[in-house]
Amino acid sequence: MINFSASLQMCMNNIRKWSANPRIPLIAFLIAIFIKTYTDPVGRMVVSTGVAVTPFLFPFIMSGWYSMILLMLGIVLLFCDAPFIDEHQPYQIMRSNRKTWLTGQILYVIVGSALYFAFVIFVSSIFFVPKISFVDEWGKVWTTLARTNAASQYGLSFSVPYSIISSYHPLNALGLSFLMSWLVGSFLGLLLFVLNRFVNRAFGAFLCVAVVVFACFVNFGDVRMAYYSPITWTSLYIMDPYGLTRAPTTTYGLTTILILNTILITILYLTNRRDVDVLEKI
């Protein structure tokens, strides 16, 4: 039997260990520096025009191929020590059971991925304070950047696709972009878990980095390659919400990533009798 209360406690214990893990503040620092550099041109536009910006940058971040790749590489760095077996884990297994422990580790990947992208959304908004407007619309800044050449005038290093603004309500775009990023981040964490458990950490990290970098080939190649690139499913610009192009539909991306995550979780449960060895911290 799985003790879900104990599993949740194990998950939260892993998250509390972030405060003592030097890799976590490094990831947070790198994200903050990247987002600050990314948003500076928008900040200059806001200052020069005096028009407040709405907090809906995240869908555009996850629609840019290099920002998407960099943030997903951050997920690989976050979960590269899967299956998270430190000196305390064998005692937790003995006090509960293997299924309860494994459930806690899987929950840690899922919750950790959600916290990671929630942090990205928070940081992508905080740099606009106090010139930020919490209204339920795209606002003049994003609409102007999407419909004019203002992006090149202010030196933006990313695009604001008009197709996103015209196809999605801002809150829907933010929610869908977060959901897909969360699920794809969980997929990378679970894939690392499986690969590290069956092979080794080096191979797991290498293959997951390859999965992330494959998104480059989708960006510069045939859009149909996106069917085989989970990373690109986070891009509202690439995904087709209406099924009118050769690109994958949003429904395809959501359904497929849920299936992939379910397969990885099933593999972990079916192979849960493997020996547990304490691993060195990364």
C-alpha atoms as a PDB file:
ATOM      1  CA  MET A   1       0.000   0.000   0.000  1.00  0.00           C
ATOM      2  CA  ILE A   2       1.112   3.532  -0.728  1.00  0.00           C
ATOM      3  CA  ASN A   3       0.977   5.970   2.171  1.00  0.00           C
ATOM      4  CA  PHE A   4       0.293   9.172   0.239  1.00  0.00           C
ATOM      5  CA  SER A   5       0.691  11.347   3.315  1.00  0.00           C
ATOM      6  CA  ALA A   6       4.186   9.958   3.855  1.00  0.00           C
ATOM      7  CA  SER A   7       4.949  10.302   0.131  1.00  0.00           C
ATOM      8  CA  LEU A   8       3.956  13.968   0.204  1.00  0.00           C
ATOM      9  CA  GLN A   9       6.121  14.494   3.274  1.00  0.00           C
ATOM     10  CA  MET A  10       9.104  12.918   1.459  1.00  0.00           C
ATOM     11  CA  CYS A  11       8.443  15.179  -1.505  1.00  0.00           C
ATOM     12  CA  MET A  12       8.427  18.283   0.692  1.00  0.00           C
ATOM     13  CA  ASN A  13      11.574  17.107   2.494  1.00  0.00           C
ATOM     14  CA  ASN A  14      13.361  16.965  -0.857  1.00  0.00           C
ATOM     15  CA  ILE A  15      12.205  20.494  -1.649  1.00  0.00           C
ATOM     16  CA  ARG A  16      13.325  21.756   1.774  1.00  0.00           C
ATOM     17  CA  LYS A  17      16.803  20.401   0.974  1.00  0.00           C
ATOM     18  CA  TRP A  18      17.036  23.000  -1.800  1.00  0.00           C
ATOM     19  CA  SER A  19      18.176  25.537   0.812  1.00  0.00           C
ATOM     20  CA  ALA A  20      21.321  23.464   1.423  1.00  0.00           C
ATOM     21  CA  ASN A  21      21.973  22.593  -2.235  1.00  0.00           C
ATOM     22  CA  PRO A  22      24.308  25.115  -3.938  1.00  0.00           C
ATOM     23  CA  ARG A  23      22.999  24.023  -7.358  1.00  0.00           C
ATOM     24  CA  ILE A  24      19.549  25.516  -6.648  1.00  0.00           C
ATOM     25  CA  PRO A  25      20.593  29.146  -5.984  1.00  0.00           C
ATOM     26  CA  LEU A  26      22.879  28.885  -9.025  1.00  0.00           C
ATOM     27  CA  ILE A  27      19.894  27.902 -11.191  1.00  0.00           C
ATOM     28  CA  ALA A  28      17.792  30.724  -9.693  1.00  0.00           C
ATOM     29  CA  PHE A  29      20.596  33.243 -10.272  1.00  0.00           C
ATOM     30  CA  LEU A  30      21.104  32.188 -13.890  1.00  0.00           C
ATOM     31  CA  ILE A  31      17.361  32.392 -14.566  1.00  0.00           C
ATOM     32  CA  ALA A  32      17.165  35.859 -13.006  1.00  0.00           C
ATOM     33  CA  ILE A  33      20.144  37.130 -15.041  1.00  0.00           C
ATOM     34  CA  PHE A  34      18.730  35.671 -18.250  1.00  0.00           C
ATOM     35  CA  ILE A  35      15.241  37.107 -17.692  1.00  0.00           C
ATOM     36  CA  LYS A  36      16.672  40.516 -16.715  1.00  0.00           C
ATOM     37  CA  THR A  37      18.699  40.645 -19.931  1.00  0.00           C
ATOM     38  CA  TYR A  38      15.703  39.348 -21.869  1.00  0.00           C
ATOM     39  CA  THR A  39      13.315  41.988 -20.512  1.00  0.00           C
ATOM     40  CA  ASP A  40      15.569  45.070 -20.485  1.00  0.00           C
ATOM     41  CA  PRO A  41      14.438  46.271 -23.959  1.00  0.00           C
ATOM     42  CA  VAL A  42      10.794  46.006 -22.888  1.00  0.00           C
ATOM     43  CA  GLY A  43      11.665  47.926 -19.737  1.00  0.00           C
ATOM     44  CA  ARG A  44      13.219  50.712 -21.823  1.00  0.00           C
ATOM     45  CA  MET A  45      10.094  50.820 -23.979  1.00  0.00           C
ATOM     46  CA  VAL A  46       7.877  51.065 -20.907  1.00  0.00           C
ATOM     47  CA  VAL A  47       9.976  53.904 -19.470  1.00  0.00           C
ATOM     48  CA  SER A  48      10.092  55.857 -22.750  1.00  0.00           C
ATOM     49  CA  THR A  49       6.365  55.507 -23.497  1.00  0.00           C
ATOM     50  CA  GLY A  50       5.062  55.653 -19.942  1.00  0.00           C
ATOM     51  CA  VAL A  51       2.671  52.782 -20.700  1.00  0.00           C
ATOM     52  CA  ALA A  52       2.470  49.990 -18.131  1.00  0.00           C
ATOM     53  CA  VAL A  53       3.034  46.407 -19.238  1.00  0.00           C
ATOM     54  CA  THR A  54       0.872  43.418 -18.357  1.00  0.00           C
ATOM     55  CA  PRO A  55       2.488  40.334 -16.745  1.00  0.00           C
ATOM     56  CA  PHE A  56       2.125  38.000 -19.727  1.00  0.00           C
ATOM     57  CA  LEU A  57       5.711  37.642 -20.913  1.00  0.00           C
ATOM     58  CA  PHE A  58       5.961  33.911 -20.136  1.00  0.00           C
ATOM     59  CA  PRO A  59       4.132  32.607 -23.262  1.00  0.00           C
ATOM     60  CA  PHE A  60       6.535  34.608 -25.431  1.00  0.00           C
ATOM     61  CA  ILE A  61       9.556  33.306 -23.516  1.00  0.00           C
ATOM     62  CA  MET A  62       8.475  29.720 -24.079  1.00  0.00           C
ATOM     63  CA  SER A  63       7.782  30.428 -27.765  1.00  0.00           C
ATOM     64  CA  GLY A  64      11.335  31.571 -28.479  1.00  0.00           C
ATOM     65  CA  TRP A  65      13.488  28.592 -29.436  1.00  0.00           C
ATOM     66  CA  TYR A  66      16.657  29.575 -27.573  1.00  0.00           C
ATOM     67  CA  SER A  67      14.904  30.796 -24.403  1.00  0.00           C
ATOM     68  CA  MET A  68      12.806  27.630 -24.421  1.00  0.00           C
ATOM     69  CA  ILE A  69      15.954  25.507 -24.707  1.00  0.00           C
ATOM     70  CA  LEU A  70      17.843  27.404 -21.993  1.00  0.00           C
ATOM     71  CA  LEU A  71      14.991  27.080 -19.505  1.00  0.00           C
ATOM     72  CA  MET A  72      14.564  23.378 -20.247  1.00  0.00           C
ATOM     73  CA  LEU A  73      18.297  22.852 -19.740  1.00  0.00           C
ATOM     74  CA  GLY A  74      17.702  24.393 -16.320  1.00  0.00           C
ATOM     75  CA  ILE A  75      15.225  21.577 -15.620  1.00  0.00           C
ATOM     76  CA  VAL A  76      17.890  19.016 -16.568  1.00  0.00           C
ATOM     77  CA  LEU A  77      20.293  20.701 -14.140  1.00  0.00           C
ATOM     78  CA  LEU A  78      17.613  20.749 -11.429  1.00  0.00           C
ATOM     79  CA  PHE A  79      16.860  17.020 -11.647  1.00  0.00           C
ATOM     80  CA  CYS A  80      20.256  15.713 -12.782  1.00  0.00           C
ATOM     81  CA  ASP A  81      20.765  13.952  -9.420  1.00  0.00           C
ATOM     82  CA  ALA A  82      17.737  11.674  -9.913  1.00  0.00           C
ATOM     83  CA  PRO A  83      16.742   9.282  -8.355  1.00  0.00           C
ATOM     84  CA  PHE A  84      17.634  11.612  -5.440  1.00  0.00           C
ATOM     85  CA  ILE A  85      19.073   8.890  -3.192  1.00  0.00           C
ATOM     86  CA  ASP A  86      21.174  10.550  -0.489  1.00  0.00           C
ATOM     87  CA  GLU A  87      22.194   9.130   2.881  1.00  0.00           C
ATOM     88  CA  HIS A  88      18.689   9.704   4.316  1.00  0.00           C
ATOM     89  CA  GLN A  89      16.710   7.837   1.651  1.00  0.00           C
ATOM     90  CA  PRO A  90      17.443   4.213   2.759  1.00  0.00           C
ATOM     91  CA  TYR A  91      16.054   5.033   6.215  1.00  0.00           C
ATOM     92  CA  GLN A  92      12.912   6.546   4.694  1.00  0.00           C
ATOM     93  CA  ILE A  93      12.402   3.382   2.647  1.00  0.00           C
ATOM     94  CA  MET A  94      12.769   1.197   5.740  1.00  0.00           C
ATOM     95  CA  ARG A  95      10.305   3.333   7.725  1.00  0.00           C
ATOM     96  CA  SER A  96       7.683   3.196   4.979  1.00  0.00           C
ATOM     97  CA  ASN A  97       8.003   0.965   1.898  1.00  0.00           C
ATOM     98  CA  ARG A  98       9.413   1.150  -1.608  1.00  0.00           C
ATOM     99  CA  LYS A  99       6.179   2.230  -3.284  1.00  0.00           C
ATOM    100  CA  THR A 100       5.618   5.026  -0.791  1.00  0.00           C
ATOM    101  CA  TRP A 101       9.208   6.207  -1.233  1.00  0.00           C
ATOM    102  CA  LEU A 102       8.997   6.058  -5.050  1.00  0.00           C
ATOM    103  CA  THR A 103       5.707   7.960  -5.015  1.00  0.00           C
ATOM    104  CA  GLY A 104       7.397  10.668  -2.956  1.00  0.00           C
ATOM    105  CA  GLN A 105      10.235  10.932  -5.480  1.00  0.00           C
ATOM    106  CA  ILE A 106       7.815  11.131  -8.417  1.00  0.00           C
ATOM    107  CA  LEU A 107       5.803  13.805  -6.606  1.00  0.00           C
ATOM    108  CA  TYR A 108       9.051  15.685  -6.035  1.00  0.00           C
ATOM    109  CA  VAL A 109       9.702  15.786  -9.798  1.00  0.00           C
ATOM    110  CA  ILE A 110       6.162  16.970 -10.514  1.00  0.00           C
ATOM    111  CA  VAL A 111       6.042  19.586  -7.733  1.00  0.00           C
ATOM    112  CA  GLY A 112       9.626  20.687  -8.405  1.00  0.00           C
ATOM    113  CA  SER A 113       8.844  21.288 -12.072  1.00  0.00           C
ATOM    114  CA  ALA A 114       5.780  23.363 -11.151  1.00  0.00           C
ATOM    115  CA  LEU A 115       7.807  25.471  -8.702  1.00  0.00           C
ATOM    116  CA  TYR A 116      10.549  25.970 -11.292  1.00  0.00           C
ATOM    117  CA  PHE A 117       8.229  27.440 -13.907  1.00  0.00           C
ATOM    118  CA  ALA A 118       6.241  29.393 -11.305  1.00  0.00           C
ATOM    119  CA  PHE A 119       9.567  31.010 -10.370  1.00  0.00           C
ATOM    120  CA  VAL A 120      10.234  31.838 -14.034  1.00  0.00           C
ATOM    121  CA  ILE A 121       6.799  33.504 -14.298  1.00  0.00           C
ATOM    122  CA  PHE A 122       7.423  35.443 -11.088  1.00  0.00           C
ATOM    123  CA  VAL A 123      10.848  36.664 -12.193  1.00  0.00           C
ATOM    124  CA  SER A 124       9.559  37.563 -15.668  1.00  0.00           C
ATOM    125  CA  SER A 125       7.056  39.909 -13.997  1.00  0.00           C
ATOM    126  CA  ILE A 126       9.043  41.314 -11.069  1.00  0.00           C
ATOM    127  CA  PHE A 127      11.486  43.216 -13.275  1.00  0.00           C
ATOM    128  CA  PHE A 128       8.609  45.320 -14.653  1.00  0.00           C
ATOM    129  CA  VAL A 129       7.615  46.622 -11.203  1.00  0.00           C
ATOM    130  CA  PRO A 130       6.382  49.340 -10.671  1.00  0.00           C
ATOM    131  CA  LYS A 131       5.404  49.766 -14.349  1.00  0.00           C
ATOM    132  CA  ILE A 132       3.183  46.710 -14.383  1.00  0.00           C
ATOM    133  CA  SER A 133      -0.569  46.587 -14.861  1.00  0.00           C
ATOM    134  CA  PHE A 134      -2.567  43.594 -13.604  1.00  0.00           C
ATOM    135  CA  VAL A 135      -5.424  43.712 -16.073  1.00  0.00           C
ATOM    136  CA  ASP A 136      -7.067  40.858 -17.926  1.00  0.00           C
ATOM    137  CA  GLU A 137      -5.886  41.875 -21.399  1.00  0.00           C
ATOM    138  CA  TRP A 138      -2.690  41.853 -23.445  1.00  0.00           C
ATOM    139  CA  GLY A 139      -2.259  45.603 -23.147  1.00  0.00           C
ATOM    140  CA  LYS A 140      -0.693  48.173 -25.443  1.00  0.00           C
ATOM    141  CA  VAL A 141       2.935  47.076 -24.987  1.00  0.00           C
ATOM    142  CA  TRP A 142       2.579  43.465 -26.164  1.00  0.00           C
ATOM    143  CA  THR A 143       0.066  44.423 -28.869  1.00  0.00           C
ATOM    144  CA  THR A 144       2.383  47.126 -30.202  1.00  0.00           C
ATOM    145  CA  LEU A 145       5.373  44.777 -30.216  1.00  0.00           C
ATOM    146  CA  ALA A 146       3.313  42.178 -32.081  1.00  0.00           C
ATOM    147  CA  ARG A 147       1.847  44.496 -34.715  1.00  0.00           C
ATOM    148  CA  THR A 148       4.647  46.997 -35.405  1.00  0.00           C
ATOM    149  CA  ASN A 149       8.429  47.141 -35.810  1.00  0.00           C
ATOM    150  CA  ALA A 150       8.883  48.495 -32.276  1.00  0.00           C
ATOM    151  CA  ALA A 151      10.701  45.285 -31.319  1.00  0.00           C
ATOM    152  CA  SER A 152      13.609  46.098 -33.640  1.00  0.00           C
ATOM    153  CA  GLN A 153      13.614  49.745 -32.570  1.00  0.00           C
ATOM    154  CA  TYR A 154      14.111  48.820 -28.925  1.00  0.00           C
ATOM    155  CA  GLY A 155      16.475  45.936 -29.652  1.00  0.00           C
ATOM    156  CA  LEU A 156      14.334  43.042 -28.435  1.00  0.00           C
ATOM    157  CA  SER A 157      16.099  39.693 -28.642  1.00  0.00           C
ATOM    158  CA  PHE A 158      12.788  37.822 -28.894  1.00  0.00           C
ATOM    159  CA  SER A 159       9.644  38.093 -30.939  1.00  0.00           C
ATOM    160  CA  VAL A 160       6.084  38.723 -29.835  1.00  0.00           C
ATOM    161  CA  PRO A 161       4.085  36.648 -32.355  1.00  0.00           C
ATOM    162  CA  TYR A 162       0.800  38.221 -33.312  1.00  0.00           C
ATOM    163  CA  SER A 163      -0.605  34.709 -33.782  1.00  0.00           C
ATOM    164  CA  ILE A 164      -0.454  34.197 -30.000  1.00  0.00           C
ATOM    165  CA  ILE A 165      -2.184  37.493 -29.236  1.00  0.00           C
ATOM    166  CA  SER A 166      -4.867  36.894 -31.855  1.00  0.00           C
ATOM    167  CA  SER A 167      -5.513  33.240 -30.933  1.00  0.00           C
ATOM    168  CA  TYR A 168      -5.418  33.285 -27.130  1.00  0.00           C
ATOM    169  CA  HIS A 169      -6.875  35.257 -24.283  1.00  0.00           C
ATOM    170  CA  PRO A 170      -3.876  36.381 -22.157  1.00  0.00           C
ATOM    171  CA  LEU A 171      -4.808  34.358 -19.062  1.00  0.00           C
ATOM    172  CA  ASN A 172      -5.527  31.313 -21.217  1.00  0.00           C
ATOM    173  CA  ALA A 173      -2.159  31.720 -22.947  1.00  0.00           C
ATOM    174  CA  LEU A 174      -0.363  32.054 -19.617  1.00  0.00           C
ATOM    175  CA  GLY A 175      -2.179  29.060 -18.125  1.00  0.00           C
ATOM    176  CA  LEU A 176      -1.688  26.817 -21.164  1.00  0.00           C
ATOM    177  CA  SER A 177       1.964  27.799 -21.530  1.00  0.00           C
ATOM    178  CA  PHE A 178       2.574  27.071 -17.848  1.00  0.00           C
ATOM    179  CA  LEU A 179       0.713  23.750 -18.022  1.00  0.00           C
ATOM    180  CA  MET A 180       2.681  22.517 -21.034  1.00  0.00           C
ATOM    181  CA  SER A 181       5.997  23.720 -19.589  1.00  0.00           C
ATOM    182  CA  TRP A 182       5.181  22.006 -16.286  1.00  0.00           C
ATOM    183  CA  LEU A 183       4.294  18.714 -17.968  1.00  0.00           C
ATOM    184  CA  VAL A 184       7.342  18.799 -20.265  1.00  0.00           C
ATOM    185  CA  GLY A 185       9.570  19.705 -17.309  1.00  0.00           C
ATOM    186  CA  SER A 186       8.110  16.733 -15.410  1.00  0.00           C
ATOM    187  CA  PHE A 187       8.784  14.555 -18.460  1.00  0.00           C
ATOM    188  CA  LEU A 188      12.460  15.534 -18.469  1.00  0.00           C
ATOM    189  CA  GLY A 189      12.721  14.879 -14.729  1.00  0.00           C
ATOM    190  CA  LEU A 190      11.055  11.472 -15.024  1.00  0.00           C
ATOM    191  CA  LEU A 191      13.187  10.586 -18.061  1.00  0.00           C
ATOM    192  CA  LEU A 192      16.307  11.460 -16.064  1.00  0.00           C
ATOM    193  CA  PHE A 193      14.960   9.316 -13.214  1.00  0.00           C
ATOM    194  CA  VAL A 194      14.533   6.282 -15.499  1.00  0.00           C
ATOM    195  CA  LEU A 195      17.813   6.685 -17.396  1.00  0.00           C
ATOM    196  CA  ASN A 196      19.899   7.400 -14.302  1.00  0.00           C
ATOM    197  CA  ARG A 197      18.388   4.389 -12.576  1.00  0.00           C
ATOM    198  CA  PHE A 198      19.009   1.932 -15.410  1.00  0.00           C
ATOM    199  CA  VAL A 199      22.251   3.281 -16.873  1.00  0.00           C
ATOM    200  CA  ASN A 200      24.039   6.158 -15.133  1.00  0.00           C
ATOM    201  CA  ARG A 201      23.795   9.884 -14.560  1.00  0.00           C
ATOM    202  CA  ALA A 202      26.145  10.820 -17.370  1.00  0.00           C
ATOM    203  CA  PHE A 203      24.066   8.954 -19.960  1.00  0.00           C
ATOM    204  CA  GLY A 204      20.818  10.312 -18.508  1.00  0.00           C
ATOM    205  CA  ALA A 205      22.030  13.908 -18.659  1.00  0.00           C
ATOM    206  CA  PHE A 206      23.437  13.440 -22.178  1.00  0.00           C
ATOM    207  CA  LEU A 207      20.215  11.989 -23.591  1.00  0.00           C
ATOM    208  CA  CYS A 208      17.995  14.589 -21.918  1.00  0.00           C
ATOM    209  CA  VAL A 209      20.195  17.415 -23.199  1.00  0.00           C
ATOM    210  CA  ALA A 210      19.910  15.860 -26.669  1.00  0.00           C
ATOM    211  CA  VAL A 211      16.101  15.831 -26.331  1.00  0.00           C
ATOM    212  CA  VAL A 212      16.180  19.520 -25.413  1.00  0.00           C
ATOM    213  CA  VAL A 213      18.624  20.568 -28.146  1.00  0.00           C
ATOM    214  CA  PHE A 214      16.575  18.701 -30.779  1.00  0.00           C
ATOM    215  CA  ALA A 215      14.178  21.661 -30.587  1.00  0.00           C
ATOM    216  CA  CYS A 216      16.795  23.642 -32.553  1.00  0.00           C
ATOM    217  CA  PHE A 217      16.344  21.365 -35.545  1.00  0.00           C
ATOM    218  CA  VAL A 218      12.583  21.841 -35.370  1.00  0.00           C
ATOM    219  CA  ASN A 219      13.027  25.614 -35.407  1.00  0.00           C
ATOM    220  CA  PHE A 220      15.294  25.572 -38.467  1.00  0.00           C
ATOM    221  CA  GLY A 221      13.762  22.557 -40.219  1.00  0.00           C
ATOM    222  CA  ASP A 222      10.396  21.153 -41.152  1.00  0.00           C
ATOM    223  CA  VAL A 223       7.667  22.060 -38.651  1.00  0.00           C
ATOM    224  CA  ARG A 224       6.436  18.451 -38.811  1.00  0.00           C
ATOM    225  CA  MET A 225       9.513  17.496 -36.784  1.00  0.00           C
ATOM    226  CA  ALA A 226       7.716  19.112 -33.853  1.00  0.00           C
ATOM    227  CA  TYR A 227       5.609  15.956 -33.556  1.00  0.00           C
ATOM    228  CA  TYR A 228       8.730  14.247 -32.159  1.00  0.00           C
ATOM    229  CA  SER A 229      10.026  17.107 -29.992  1.00  0.00           C
ATOM    230  CA  PRO A 230       8.274  17.430 -26.619  1.00  0.00           C
ATOM    231  CA  ILE A 231      10.216  20.607 -25.870  1.00  0.00           C
ATOM    232  CA  THR A 232       8.529  22.457 -28.741  1.00  0.00           C
ATOM    233  CA  TRP A 233       5.089  21.561 -27.406  1.00  0.00           C
ATOM    234  CA  THR A 234       5.551  24.376 -24.876  1.00  0.00           C
ATOM    235  CA  SER A 235       5.547  26.924 -27.719  1.00  0.00           C
ATOM    236  CA  LEU A 236       2.164  28.482 -28.448  1.00  0.00           C
ATOM    237  CA  TYR A 237       3.728  29.907 -31.594  1.00  0.00           C
ATOM    238  CA  ILE A 238       4.637  26.490 -33.020  1.00  0.00           C
ATOM    239  CA  MET A 239       1.600  24.533 -31.844  1.00  0.00           C
ATOM    240  CA  ASP A 240      -1.573  24.913 -33.880  1.00  0.00           C
ATOM    241  CA  PRO A 241      -4.681  25.363 -31.695  1.00  0.00           C
ATOM    242  CA  TYR A 242      -7.034  24.862 -34.650  1.00  0.00           C
ATOM    243  CA  GLY A 243      -5.419  22.056 -36.649  1.00  0.00           C
ATOM    244  CA  LEU A 244      -5.166  24.158 -39.804  1.00  0.00           C
ATOM    245  CA  THR A 245      -1.444  23.693 -40.513  1.00  0.00           C
ATOM    246  CA  ARG A 246       1.141  20.893 -40.615  1.00  0.00           C
ATOM    247  CA  ALA A 247       2.206  21.683 -37.051  1.00  0.00           C
ATOM    248  CA  PRO A 248       0.981  19.532 -34.140  1.00  0.00           C
ATOM    249  CA  THR A 249      -2.201  20.643 -32.472  1.00  0.00           C
ATOM    250  CA  THR A 250      -2.299  21.778 -28.864  1.00  0.00           C
ATOM    251  CA  THR A 251      -4.479  18.763 -28.074  1.00  0.00           C
ATOM    252  CA  TYR A 252      -1.851  16.449 -29.573  1.00  0.00           C
ATOM    253  CA  GLY A 253       0.890  17.979 -27.432  1.00  0.00           C
ATOM    254  CA  LEU A 254      -1.131  17.821 -24.227  1.00  0.00           C
ATOM    255  CA  THR A 255      -2.351  14.263 -24.821  1.00  0.00           C
ATOM    256  CA  THR A 256       1.046  12.919 -25.872  1.00  0.00           C
ATOM    257  CA  ILE A 257       2.991  14.443 -22.985  1.00  0.00           C
ATOM    258  CA  LEU A 258       0.479  12.982 -20.514  1.00  0.00           C
ATOM    259  CA  ILE A 259       0.908   9.561 -22.138  1.00  0.00           C
ATOM    260  CA  LEU A 260       4.709   9.826 -22.062  1.00  0.00           C
ATOM    261  CA  ASN A 261       4.693  10.809 -18.395  1.00  0.00           C
ATOM    262  CA  THR A 262       2.331   7.940 -17.592  1.00  0.00           C
ATOM    263  CA  ILE A 263       4.642   5.472 -19.388  1.00  0.00           C
ATOM    264  CA  LEU A 264       7.704   6.695 -17.471  1.00  0.00           C
ATOM    265  CA  ILE A 265       5.882   6.515 -14.135  1.00  0.00           C
ATOM    266  CA  THR A 266       4.667   2.996 -14.963  1.00  0.00           C
ATOM    267  CA  ILE A 267       8.232   1.902 -15.779  1.00  0.00           C
ATOM    268  CA  LEU A 268       9.422   3.256 -12.432  1.00  0.00           C
ATOM    269  CA  TYR A 269       6.756   1.353 -10.505  1.00  0.00           C
ATOM    270  CA  LEU A 270       7.291  -1.892 -12.447  1.00  0.00           C
ATOM    271  CA  THR A 271      11.042  -1.784 -11.738  1.00  0.00           C
ATOM    272  CA  ASN A 272      10.786  -0.657  -8.142  1.00  0.00           C
ATOM    273  CA  ARG A 273      12.459  -3.802  -6.795  1.00  0.00           C
ATOM    274  CA  ARG A 274      15.911  -2.694  -7.917  1.00  0.00           C
ATOM    275  CA  ASP A 275      18.545  -2.175  -5.223  1.00  0.00           C
ATOM    276  CA  VAL A 276      18.806   1.295  -3.708  1.00  0.00           C
ATOM    277  CA  ASP A 277      22.364   2.663  -3.545  1.00  0.00           C
ATOM    278  CA  VAL A 278      23.310   5.974  -1.983  1.00  0.00           C
ATOM    279  CA  LEU A 279      24.626   8.314  -4.701  1.00  0.00           C
ATOM    280  CA  GLU A 280      27.044  11.199  -4.403  1.00  0.00           C
ATOM    281  CA  LYS A 281      25.571  14.691  -4.509  1.00  0.00           C
ATOM    282  CA  ILE A 282      26.000  16.701  -7.703  1.00  0.00           C
END
